[in-house]
Amino acid sequence: MLLKGREVQISRFRQFLGRPLVNGDVGRDWQALEARSGVTFPADYKQFVTAYGPGCVNDQLYVFHPKAAGGSEGLRLESLWEQASYAHSELSRNAPDYYPYPIYPTPGGCIPVARSTSGNQVLLAPPKSGESDWSVVLDMGQWIPVAMSFTDFLWSALCEELHVPVLDGEPSFQPVGTVEP
């Protein structure tokens, strides 16, 4: 059963992913990043990432964290942004019709938050004018808007209820790297 993101409690993910491993402080984890970026991220997304930390869902989807250790083994959120922004800029210049969504740091651009092992991206689309809810956009070789919050999206993917195959197999979460204090 699909619930609105604000109604989904992180505790619901325990049945699939186990107990949250980091269970950090949302304010501490996100305050500096939000100040630097000028973006206030959706609460459900911040709560999930703060609780579970950087890691890999179902050995297929890497979830990035704002305070993850840097370097080649880390899943620092700003590193993902740099990689995605550079790639999008280069690719969209040559084939703009294949890249219909702007990417952060372009104002109003989608913000990459997760990447699959095959290189697909999960992005958060900021609310459009007059709206208050963020949504998910997938870049899977084609761009697929998913009109739901991050936690609704992840829950649906784990329950295999999405109209696109994002995750398959037994639900699991494997931490990757560490979170800086």
N, C-alpha and C. Protein backbone atom coordinates (compact mmCIF):
# COMPACT_ATOMS: atom_id res chain seq x y z
N MET A 1 0.83 -1.17 0.00
CA MET A 1 0.00 0.00 0.00
C MET A 1 0.88 1.24 0.00
N LEU A 2 0.63 2.16 -0.92
CA LEU A 2 1.42 3.37 -1.06
C LEU A 2 0.89 4.45 -0.15
N LEU A 3 1.79 5.09 0.59
CA LEU A 3 1.41 6.17 1.49
C LEU A 3 2.08 7.45 1.04
N LYS A 4 1.52 8.57 1.39
CA LYS A 4 2.17 9.85 1.11
C LYS A 4 3.48 9.90 1.87
N GLY A 5 4.51 10.51 1.26
CA GLY A 5 5.84 10.57 1.84
C GLY A 5 5.87 11.07 3.26
N ARG A 6 5.09 12.12 3.56
CA ARG A 6 5.11 12.67 4.90
C ARG A 6 4.49 11.71 5.91
N GLU A 7 3.71 10.74 5.45
CA GLU A 7 3.10 9.77 6.35
C GLU A 7 3.97 8.53 6.53
N VAL A 8 4.89 8.33 5.62
CA VAL A 8 5.77 7.17 5.72
C VAL A 8 6.79 7.43 6.81
N GLN A 9 6.81 6.58 7.80
CA GLN A 9 7.79 6.71 8.86
C GLN A 9 8.97 5.82 8.52
N ILE A 10 10.13 6.30 8.88
CA ILE A 10 11.35 5.55 8.59
C ILE A 10 11.26 4.15 9.18
N SER A 11 10.55 3.99 10.28
CA SER A 11 10.45 2.68 10.92
C SER A 11 9.83 1.64 9.98
N ARG A 12 9.01 2.08 9.00
CA ARG A 12 8.41 1.13 8.06
C ARG A 12 9.47 0.43 7.22
N PHE A 13 10.60 1.08 6.98
CA PHE A 13 11.64 0.49 6.15
C PHE A 13 12.39 -0.62 6.89
N ARG A 14 12.22 -0.70 8.20
CA ARG A 14 12.91 -1.75 8.97
C ARG A 14 12.56 -3.14 8.48
N GLN A 15 11.31 -3.36 8.06
CA GLN A 15 10.94 -4.71 7.63
C GLN A 15 11.72 -5.13 6.39
N PHE A 16 12.16 -4.19 5.58
CA PHE A 16 12.93 -4.52 4.38
C PHE A 16 14.43 -4.32 4.56
N LEU A 17 14.81 -3.24 5.24
CA LEU A 17 16.23 -2.85 5.27
C LEU A 17 16.90 -3.03 6.62
N GLY A 18 16.14 -3.47 7.61
CA GLY A 18 16.71 -3.61 8.94
C GLY A 18 16.68 -2.30 9.69
N ARG A 19 17.23 -2.34 10.87
CA ARG A 19 17.28 -1.16 11.73
C ARG A 19 18.15 -0.08 11.11
N PRO A 20 17.75 1.21 11.21
CA PRO A 20 18.63 2.27 10.72
C PRO A 20 20.00 2.17 11.38
N LEU A 21 21.03 2.41 10.60
CA LEU A 21 22.39 2.21 11.07
C LEU A 21 23.04 3.47 11.60
N VAL A 22 22.64 4.62 11.09
CA VAL A 22 23.29 5.86 11.48
C VAL A 22 22.43 6.60 12.49
N ASN A 23 21.14 6.75 12.15
CA ASN A 23 20.18 7.41 13.02
C ASN A 23 20.74 8.71 13.57
N GLY A 24 21.31 9.52 12.68
CA GLY A 24 21.94 10.78 13.06
C GLY A 24 20.94 11.88 13.32
N ASP A 25 21.45 13.07 13.34
CA ASP A 25 20.68 14.27 13.62
C ASP A 25 20.41 14.97 12.29
N VAL A 26 19.14 15.06 11.87
CA VAL A 26 18.79 15.64 10.57
C VAL A 26 19.33 17.06 10.45
N GLY A 27 19.14 17.88 11.49
CA GLY A 27 19.64 19.26 11.44
C GLY A 27 21.14 19.31 11.25
N ARG A 28 21.87 18.54 12.01
CA ARG A 28 23.33 18.53 11.93
C ARG A 28 23.81 18.01 10.57
N ASP A 29 23.16 16.98 10.07
CA ASP A 29 23.58 16.40 8.80
C ASP A 29 23.33 17.31 7.61
N TRP A 30 22.27 18.10 7.65
CA TRP A 30 21.83 18.84 6.47
C TRP A 30 22.03 20.34 6.51
N GLN A 31 22.22 20.92 7.68
CA GLN A 31 22.27 22.37 7.82
C GLN A 31 23.33 23.01 6.93
N ALA A 32 24.55 22.55 6.98
CA ALA A 32 25.64 23.16 6.20
C ALA A 32 25.41 23.00 4.70
N LEU A 33 24.98 21.82 4.27
CA LEU A 33 24.75 21.59 2.85
C LEU A 33 23.62 22.47 2.33
N GLU A 34 22.54 22.56 3.09
CA GLU A 34 21.43 23.40 2.65
C GLU A 34 21.83 24.88 2.60
N ALA A 35 22.67 25.31 3.52
CA ALA A 35 23.13 26.70 3.50
C ALA A 35 24.03 26.95 2.28
N ARG A 36 24.94 26.02 1.98
CA ARG A 36 25.83 26.17 0.82
C ARG A 36 25.07 26.14 -0.50
N SER A 37 24.10 25.23 -0.60
CA SER A 37 23.41 25.02 -1.87
C SER A 37 22.22 25.94 -2.07
N GLY A 38 21.68 26.47 -0.97
CA GLY A 38 20.47 27.28 -1.07
C GLY A 38 19.22 26.45 -1.31
N VAL A 39 19.31 25.14 -1.08
CA VAL A 39 18.21 24.21 -1.30
C VAL A 39 17.75 23.65 0.04
N THR A 40 16.44 23.67 0.29
CA THR A 40 15.88 23.01 1.45
C THR A 40 15.26 21.71 0.94
N PHE A 41 15.89 20.61 1.28
CA PHE A 41 15.47 19.31 0.79
C PHE A 41 14.20 18.84 1.49
N PRO A 42 13.45 17.94 0.85
CA PRO A 42 12.22 17.42 1.47
C PRO A 42 12.54 16.63 2.74
N ALA A 43 11.68 16.79 3.73
CA ALA A 43 11.90 16.18 5.05
C ALA A 43 12.00 14.67 4.99
N ASP A 44 11.14 14.00 4.19
CA ASP A 44 11.17 12.54 4.17
C ASP A 44 12.50 12.01 3.64
N TYR A 45 13.02 12.67 2.63
CA TYR A 45 14.31 12.27 2.05
C TYR A 45 15.43 12.46 3.09
N LYS A 46 15.46 13.62 3.74
CA LYS A 46 16.51 13.87 4.74
C LYS A 46 16.43 12.87 5.88
N GLN A 47 15.21 12.55 6.32
CA GLN A 47 15.06 11.60 7.42
C GLN A 47 15.58 10.22 7.04
N PHE A 48 15.28 9.77 5.82
CA PHE A 48 15.75 8.46 5.40
C PHE A 48 17.27 8.42 5.32
N VAL A 49 17.85 9.40 4.64
CA VAL A 49 19.31 9.42 4.45
C VAL A 49 20.03 9.57 5.79
N THR A 50 19.50 10.38 6.68
CA THR A 50 20.12 10.56 7.99
C THR A 50 20.04 9.28 8.81
N ALA A 51 18.93 8.56 8.71
CA ALA A 51 18.76 7.32 9.48
C ALA A 51 19.64 6.18 8.95
N TYR A 52 19.67 6.01 7.64
CA TYR A 52 20.39 4.87 7.08
C TYR A 52 21.81 5.19 6.63
N GLY A 53 22.10 6.45 6.37
CA GLY A 53 23.44 6.82 5.96
C GLY A 53 23.73 6.45 4.52
N PRO A 54 24.97 6.63 4.10
CA PRO A 54 25.34 6.26 2.74
C PRO A 54 25.38 4.74 2.61
N GLY A 55 24.86 4.24 1.50
CA GLY A 55 24.87 2.79 1.33
C GLY A 55 24.25 2.35 0.03
N CYS A 56 24.05 1.06 -0.06
CA CYS A 56 23.54 0.46 -1.29
C CYS A 56 22.30 -0.38 -0.99
N VAL A 57 21.21 -0.06 -1.68
CA VAL A 57 19.95 -0.77 -1.53
C VAL A 57 19.92 -1.90 -2.56
N ASN A 58 19.66 -3.11 -2.07
CA ASN A 58 19.54 -4.31 -2.93
C ASN A 58 20.77 -4.54 -3.81
N ASP A 59 21.92 -4.12 -3.38
CA ASP A 59 23.16 -4.26 -4.17
C ASP A 59 23.01 -3.60 -5.54
N GLN A 60 22.09 -2.62 -5.67
CA GLN A 60 21.82 -2.01 -6.96
C GLN A 60 21.76 -0.49 -6.96
N LEU A 61 21.38 0.13 -5.85
CA LEU A 61 21.14 1.56 -5.83
C LEU A 61 21.93 2.21 -4.70
N TYR A 62 22.92 3.03 -5.08
CA TYR A 62 23.73 3.74 -4.11
C TYR A 62 23.02 5.01 -3.68
N VAL A 63 22.84 5.18 -2.36
CA VAL A 63 22.21 6.36 -1.78
C VAL A 63 23.33 7.20 -1.15
N PHE A 64 23.39 8.46 -1.53
CA PHE A 64 24.45 9.36 -1.09
C PHE A 64 24.02 10.17 0.13
N HIS A 65 25.00 10.63 0.90
CA HIS A 65 24.76 11.33 2.18
C HIS A 65 25.57 12.62 2.18
N PRO A 66 25.05 13.70 2.79
CA PRO A 66 25.77 14.98 2.77
C PRO A 66 27.07 14.98 3.57
N LYS A 67 27.20 14.08 4.53
CA LYS A 67 28.41 14.05 5.34
C LYS A 67 29.18 12.74 5.19
N ALA A 68 28.96 12.06 4.08
CA ALA A 68 29.71 10.82 3.84
C ALA A 68 31.19 11.17 3.63
N ALA A 69 32.04 10.26 4.02
CA ALA A 69 33.47 10.45 3.80
C ALA A 69 33.72 10.61 2.30
N GLY A 70 34.64 11.47 1.97
CA GLY A 70 34.98 11.70 0.56
C GLY A 70 35.89 10.60 0.03
N GLY A 71 36.39 10.80 -1.15
CA GLY A 71 37.29 9.83 -1.76
C GLY A 71 36.55 8.82 -2.59
N SER A 72 37.31 7.90 -3.16
CA SER A 72 36.74 6.94 -4.10
C SER A 72 35.77 5.96 -3.45
N GLU A 73 35.89 5.73 -2.15
CA GLU A 73 34.99 4.80 -1.46
C GLU A 73 33.78 5.50 -0.86
N GLY A 74 33.78 6.82 -0.83
CA GLY A 74 32.70 7.56 -0.17
C GLY A 74 31.53 7.83 -1.09
N LEU A 75 30.40 8.10 -0.48
CA LEU A 75 29.19 8.44 -1.22
C LEU A 75 28.72 9.82 -0.79
N ARG A 76 29.61 10.81 -0.94
CA ARG A 76 29.28 12.19 -0.57
C ARG A 76 28.36 12.78 -1.62
N LEU A 77 27.26 13.34 -1.15
CA LEU A 77 26.22 13.86 -2.03
C LEU A 77 26.74 14.91 -2.99
N GLU A 78 27.53 15.85 -2.53
CA GLU A 78 28.04 16.90 -3.42
C GLU A 78 28.95 16.34 -4.52
N SER A 79 29.63 15.25 -4.28
CA SER A 79 30.44 14.62 -5.33
C SER A 79 29.56 14.09 -6.45
N LEU A 80 28.43 13.50 -6.07
CA LEU A 80 27.48 13.01 -7.08
C LEU A 80 26.97 14.17 -7.91
N TRP A 81 26.67 15.30 -7.27
CA TRP A 81 26.18 16.48 -7.99
C TRP A 81 27.19 16.94 -9.03
N GLU A 82 28.47 17.00 -8.64
CA GLU A 82 29.51 17.44 -9.56
C GLU A 82 29.61 16.51 -10.76
N GLN A 83 29.62 15.22 -10.51
CA GLN A 83 29.71 14.24 -11.60
C GLN A 83 28.51 14.34 -12.53
N ALA A 84 27.31 14.37 -11.97
CA ALA A 84 26.10 14.40 -12.77
C ALA A 84 25.97 15.71 -13.55
N SER A 85 26.29 16.81 -12.91
CA SER A 85 26.19 18.11 -13.56
C SER A 85 27.14 18.20 -14.74
N TYR A 86 28.37 17.73 -14.56
CA TYR A 86 29.34 17.75 -15.65
C TYR A 86 28.89 16.87 -16.81
N ALA A 87 28.48 15.64 -16.51
CA ALA A 87 28.04 14.72 -17.56
C ALA A 87 26.82 15.27 -18.29
N HIS A 88 25.85 15.78 -17.55
CA HIS A 88 24.64 16.32 -18.15
C HIS A 88 24.97 17.49 -19.06
N SER A 89 25.85 18.37 -18.60
CA SER A 89 26.24 19.53 -19.39
C SER A 89 26.85 19.12 -20.72
N GLU A 90 27.76 18.17 -20.66
CA GLU A 90 28.44 17.70 -21.88
C GLU A 90 27.46 17.00 -22.82
N LEU A 91 26.66 16.09 -22.29
CA LEU A 91 25.76 15.30 -23.12
C LEU A 91 24.61 16.12 -23.68
N SER A 92 24.05 17.01 -22.87
CA SER A 92 22.90 17.79 -23.34
C SER A 92 23.30 18.82 -24.39
N ARG A 93 24.54 19.21 -24.39
CA ARG A 93 25.01 20.15 -25.41
C ARG A 93 24.90 19.53 -26.81
N ASN A 94 25.18 18.25 -26.91
CA ASN A 94 25.16 17.56 -28.21
C ASN A 94 23.80 16.98 -28.57
N ALA A 95 22.97 16.70 -27.56
CA ALA A 95 21.66 16.09 -27.83
C ALA A 95 20.63 16.64 -26.85
N PRO A 96 20.28 17.92 -26.97
CA PRO A 96 19.39 18.54 -25.97
C PRO A 96 18.01 17.88 -25.87
N ASP A 97 17.52 17.27 -26.92
CA ASP A 97 16.21 16.63 -26.87
C ASP A 97 16.18 15.42 -25.94
N TYR A 98 17.34 14.82 -25.70
CA TYR A 98 17.42 13.66 -24.82
C TYR A 98 17.56 14.04 -23.35
N TYR A 99 17.69 15.33 -23.06
CA TYR A 99 17.92 15.80 -21.70
C TYR A 99 16.92 16.91 -21.37
N PRO A 100 15.66 16.54 -21.14
CA PRO A 100 14.60 17.54 -20.98
C PRO A 100 14.58 18.24 -19.61
N TYR A 101 15.34 17.75 -18.65
CA TYR A 101 15.33 18.33 -17.31
C TYR A 101 16.67 19.01 -17.03
N PRO A 102 16.62 20.24 -16.48
CA PRO A 102 17.88 20.86 -16.05
C PRO A 102 18.38 20.15 -14.78
N ILE A 103 19.67 20.22 -14.56
CA ILE A 103 20.31 19.59 -13.40
C ILE A 103 20.93 20.67 -12.52
N TYR A 104 20.80 20.49 -11.21
CA TYR A 104 21.44 21.39 -10.26
C TYR A 104 22.93 21.46 -10.59
N PRO A 105 23.55 22.62 -10.63
CA PRO A 105 23.20 23.88 -9.99
C PRO A 105 22.38 24.84 -10.85
N THR A 106 21.89 24.41 -12.01
CA THR A 106 20.98 25.26 -12.76
C THR A 106 19.78 25.56 -11.87
N PRO A 107 19.38 26.82 -11.74
CA PRO A 107 18.23 27.15 -10.88
C PRO A 107 17.00 26.33 -11.28
N GLY A 108 16.37 25.73 -10.27
CA GLY A 108 15.20 24.89 -10.51
C GLY A 108 15.53 23.52 -11.05
N GLY A 109 16.82 23.19 -11.14
CA GLY A 109 17.23 21.91 -11.70
C GLY A 109 17.01 20.75 -10.74
N CYS A 110 16.88 19.57 -11.32
CA CYS A 110 16.74 18.34 -10.54
C CYS A 110 18.05 18.06 -9.82
N ILE A 111 17.94 17.44 -8.66
CA ILE A 111 19.11 17.19 -7.82
C ILE A 111 19.35 15.69 -7.72
N PRO A 112 20.50 15.22 -8.24
CA PRO A 112 20.83 13.80 -8.13
C PRO A 112 21.02 13.39 -6.67
N VAL A 113 20.40 12.26 -6.28
CA VAL A 113 20.51 11.80 -4.90
C VAL A 113 20.92 10.33 -4.80
N ALA A 114 20.81 9.58 -5.90
CA ALA A 114 21.18 8.16 -5.88
C ALA A 114 21.58 7.76 -7.29
N ARG A 115 22.40 6.72 -7.38
CA ARG A 115 22.86 6.21 -8.68
C ARG A 115 22.88 4.69 -8.63
N SER A 116 22.38 4.08 -9.70
CA SER A 116 22.37 2.61 -9.74
C SER A 116 23.75 2.10 -10.14
N THR A 117 23.95 0.82 -9.92
CA THR A 117 25.21 0.20 -10.31
C THR A 117 25.40 0.22 -11.82
N SER A 118 24.31 0.39 -12.57
CA SER A 118 24.41 0.48 -14.03
C SER A 118 24.50 1.92 -14.52
N GLY A 119 24.58 2.89 -13.59
CA GLY A 119 24.76 4.28 -13.96
C GLY A 119 23.49 5.10 -14.09
N ASN A 120 22.33 4.50 -13.86
CA ASN A 120 21.09 5.26 -13.88
C ASN A 120 21.05 6.20 -12.68
N GLN A 121 20.36 7.31 -12.83
CA GLN A 121 20.29 8.32 -11.77
C GLN A 121 18.88 8.43 -11.20
N VAL A 122 18.81 8.66 -9.90
CA VAL A 122 17.56 9.03 -9.24
C VAL A 122 17.76 10.48 -8.81
N LEU A 123 16.83 11.34 -9.24
CA LEU A 123 16.93 12.76 -8.96
C LEU A 123 15.67 13.25 -8.26
N LEU A 124 15.83 14.28 -7.46
CA LEU A 124 14.68 14.94 -6.85
C LEU A 124 14.36 16.16 -7.69
N ALA A 125 13.11 16.27 -8.10
CA ALA A 125 12.65 17.43 -8.86
C ALA A 125 11.99 18.40 -7.88
N PRO A 126 12.51 19.64 -7.83
CA PRO A 126 11.91 20.61 -6.91
C PRO A 126 10.46 20.91 -7.28
N PRO A 127 9.69 21.37 -6.32
CA PRO A 127 8.29 21.70 -6.62
C PRO A 127 8.20 22.76 -7.70
N LYS A 128 7.22 22.61 -8.55
CA LYS A 128 6.96 23.62 -9.58
C LYS A 128 6.23 24.78 -8.93
N SER A 129 6.20 25.88 -9.61
CA SER A 129 5.54 27.08 -9.09
C SER A 129 4.13 26.76 -8.62
N GLY A 130 3.83 27.17 -7.39
CA GLY A 130 2.51 26.94 -6.83
C GLY A 130 2.34 25.58 -6.17
N GLU A 131 3.33 24.70 -6.27
CA GLU A 131 3.26 23.38 -5.65
C GLU A 131 4.19 23.33 -4.45
N SER A 132 3.97 22.37 -3.58
CA SER A 132 4.82 22.26 -2.39
C SER A 132 5.57 20.94 -2.32
N ASP A 133 5.20 19.97 -3.13
CA ASP A 133 5.80 18.64 -3.03
C ASP A 133 6.90 18.40 -4.05
N TRP A 134 8.00 17.85 -3.57
CA TRP A 134 9.07 17.39 -4.45
C TRP A 134 8.61 16.09 -5.08
N SER A 135 9.24 15.71 -6.19
CA SER A 135 8.95 14.42 -6.81
C SER A 135 10.27 13.81 -7.28
N VAL A 136 10.18 12.62 -7.82
CA VAL A 136 11.35 11.88 -8.28
C VAL A 136 11.36 11.87 -9.80
N VAL A 137 12.55 11.98 -10.37
CA VAL A 137 12.75 11.82 -11.81
C VAL A 137 13.86 10.80 -11.97
N LEU A 138 13.66 9.84 -12.86
CA LEU A 138 14.67 8.82 -13.14
C LEU A 138 15.32 9.11 -14.48
N ASP A 139 16.63 8.99 -14.54
CA ASP A 139 17.37 9.04 -15.80
C ASP A 139 17.89 7.63 -16.04
N MET A 140 17.14 6.90 -16.87
CA MET A 140 17.47 5.50 -17.17
C MET A 140 17.70 5.31 -18.66
N GLY A 141 18.41 6.27 -19.28
CA GLY A 141 18.54 6.25 -20.72
C GLY A 141 17.40 7.03 -21.35
N GLN A 142 16.31 7.08 -20.69
CA GLN A 142 15.20 7.99 -20.98
C GLN A 142 14.79 8.58 -19.64
N TRP A 143 14.18 9.74 -19.66
CA TRP A 143 13.81 10.44 -18.45
C TRP A 143 12.38 10.06 -18.07
N ILE A 144 12.21 9.62 -16.83
CA ILE A 144 10.90 9.14 -16.39
C ILE A 144 10.50 9.90 -15.13
N PRO A 145 9.49 10.77 -15.22
CA PRO A 145 9.00 11.42 -14.01
C PRO A 145 8.17 10.45 -13.18
N VAL A 146 8.38 10.46 -11.88
CA VAL A 146 7.65 9.61 -10.95
C VAL A 146 7.02 10.55 -9.93
N ALA A 147 5.74 10.73 -10.02
CA ALA A 147 5.03 11.72 -9.19
C ALA A 147 4.82 11.21 -7.78
N MET A 148 5.92 11.09 -7.04
CA MET A 148 5.84 10.68 -5.64
C MET A 148 7.08 11.17 -4.91
N SER A 149 7.00 11.18 -3.61
CA SER A 149 8.14 11.60 -2.78
C SER A 149 9.24 10.54 -2.85
N PHE A 150 10.41 10.88 -2.31
CA PHE A 150 11.52 9.94 -2.30
C PHE A 150 11.18 8.66 -1.54
N THR A 151 10.60 8.81 -0.34
CA THR A 151 10.31 7.61 0.44
C THR A 151 9.19 6.78 -0.19
N ASP A 152 8.21 7.42 -0.81
CA ASP A 152 7.19 6.67 -1.55
C ASP A 152 7.82 5.91 -2.71
N PHE A 153 8.72 6.58 -3.41
CA PHE A 153 9.43 5.95 -4.53
C PHE A 153 10.22 4.73 -4.05
N LEU A 154 11.02 4.92 -3.02
CA LEU A 154 11.85 3.82 -2.53
C LEU A 154 11.00 2.67 -2.00
N TRP A 155 9.95 3.01 -1.27
CA TRP A 155 9.05 1.98 -0.75
C TRP A 155 8.43 1.19 -1.91
N SER A 156 7.93 1.90 -2.91
CA SER A 156 7.33 1.23 -4.08
C SER A 156 8.34 0.37 -4.82
N ALA A 157 9.57 0.85 -4.92
CA ALA A 157 10.61 0.07 -5.58
C ALA A 157 10.91 -1.21 -4.80
N LEU A 158 10.99 -1.10 -3.49
CA LEU A 158 11.26 -2.28 -2.66
C LEU A 158 10.11 -3.28 -2.71
N CYS A 159 8.89 -2.76 -2.84
CA CYS A 159 7.70 -3.63 -2.92
C CYS A 159 7.44 -4.11 -4.35
N GLU A 160 8.30 -3.71 -5.27
CA GLU A 160 8.17 -4.03 -6.69
C GLU A 160 6.82 -3.59 -7.25
N GLU A 161 6.40 -2.37 -6.85
CA GLU A 161 5.13 -1.81 -7.29
C GLU A 161 5.30 -0.67 -8.30
N LEU A 162 6.52 -0.34 -8.66
CA LEU A 162 6.76 0.73 -9.63
C LEU A 162 6.49 0.25 -11.05
N HIS A 163 6.15 1.18 -11.91
CA HIS A 163 5.92 0.84 -13.32
C HIS A 163 7.24 0.71 -14.09
N VAL A 164 8.37 1.02 -13.45
CA VAL A 164 9.68 0.85 -14.06
C VAL A 164 10.54 0.00 -13.14
N PRO A 165 11.37 -0.87 -13.69
CA PRO A 165 12.21 -1.73 -12.85
C PRO A 165 13.43 -0.97 -12.34
N VAL A 166 13.40 -0.61 -11.08
CA VAL A 166 14.52 0.10 -10.48
C VAL A 166 15.32 -0.85 -9.58
N LEU A 167 14.61 -1.63 -8.78
CA LEU A 167 15.23 -2.59 -7.88
C LEU A 167 14.56 -3.94 -8.08
N ASP A 168 15.35 -4.98 -7.94
CA ASP A 168 14.76 -6.31 -7.92
C ASP A 168 15.50 -7.15 -6.90
N GLY A 169 14.94 -8.29 -6.60
CA GLY A 169 15.56 -9.19 -5.63
C GLY A 169 15.13 -8.89 -4.22
N GLU A 170 15.74 -9.59 -3.30
CA GLU A 170 15.43 -9.45 -1.88
C GLU A 170 15.89 -8.09 -1.37
N PRO A 171 15.01 -7.36 -0.67
CA PRO A 171 15.39 -6.06 -0.12
C PRO A 171 16.55 -6.18 0.86
N SER A 172 17.49 -5.25 0.74
CA SER A 172 18.63 -5.21 1.65
C SER A 172 19.24 -3.81 1.63
N PHE A 173 20.02 -3.52 2.66
CA PHE A 173 20.76 -2.26 2.72
C PHE A 173 22.14 -2.56 3.25
N GLN A 174 23.15 -2.16 2.51
CA GLN A 174 24.54 -2.36 2.91
C GLN A 174 25.19 -0.99 3.07
N PRO A 175 25.66 -0.64 4.27
CA PRO A 175 26.33 0.65 4.44
C PRO A 175 27.61 0.69 3.61
N VAL A 176 27.93 1.89 3.11
CA VAL A 176 29.15 2.09 2.33
C VAL A 176 29.87 3.30 2.89
N GLY A 177 31.09 3.12 3.31
CA GLY A 177 31.86 4.23 3.86
C GLY A 177 31.38 4.64 5.23
N THR A 178 31.77 5.84 5.62
CA THR A 178 31.44 6.35 6.94
C THR A 178 30.83 7.75 6.81
N VAL A 179 30.23 8.21 7.90
CA VAL A 179 29.68 9.54 7.97
C VAL A 179 30.57 10.36 8.89
N GLU A 180 30.97 11.55 8.41
CA GLU A 180 31.81 12.43 9.22
C GLU A 180 31.00 13.03 10.36
N PRO A 181 31.66 13.28 11.49
CA PRO A 181 30.93 13.86 12.64
C PRO A 181 30.45 15.28 12.34
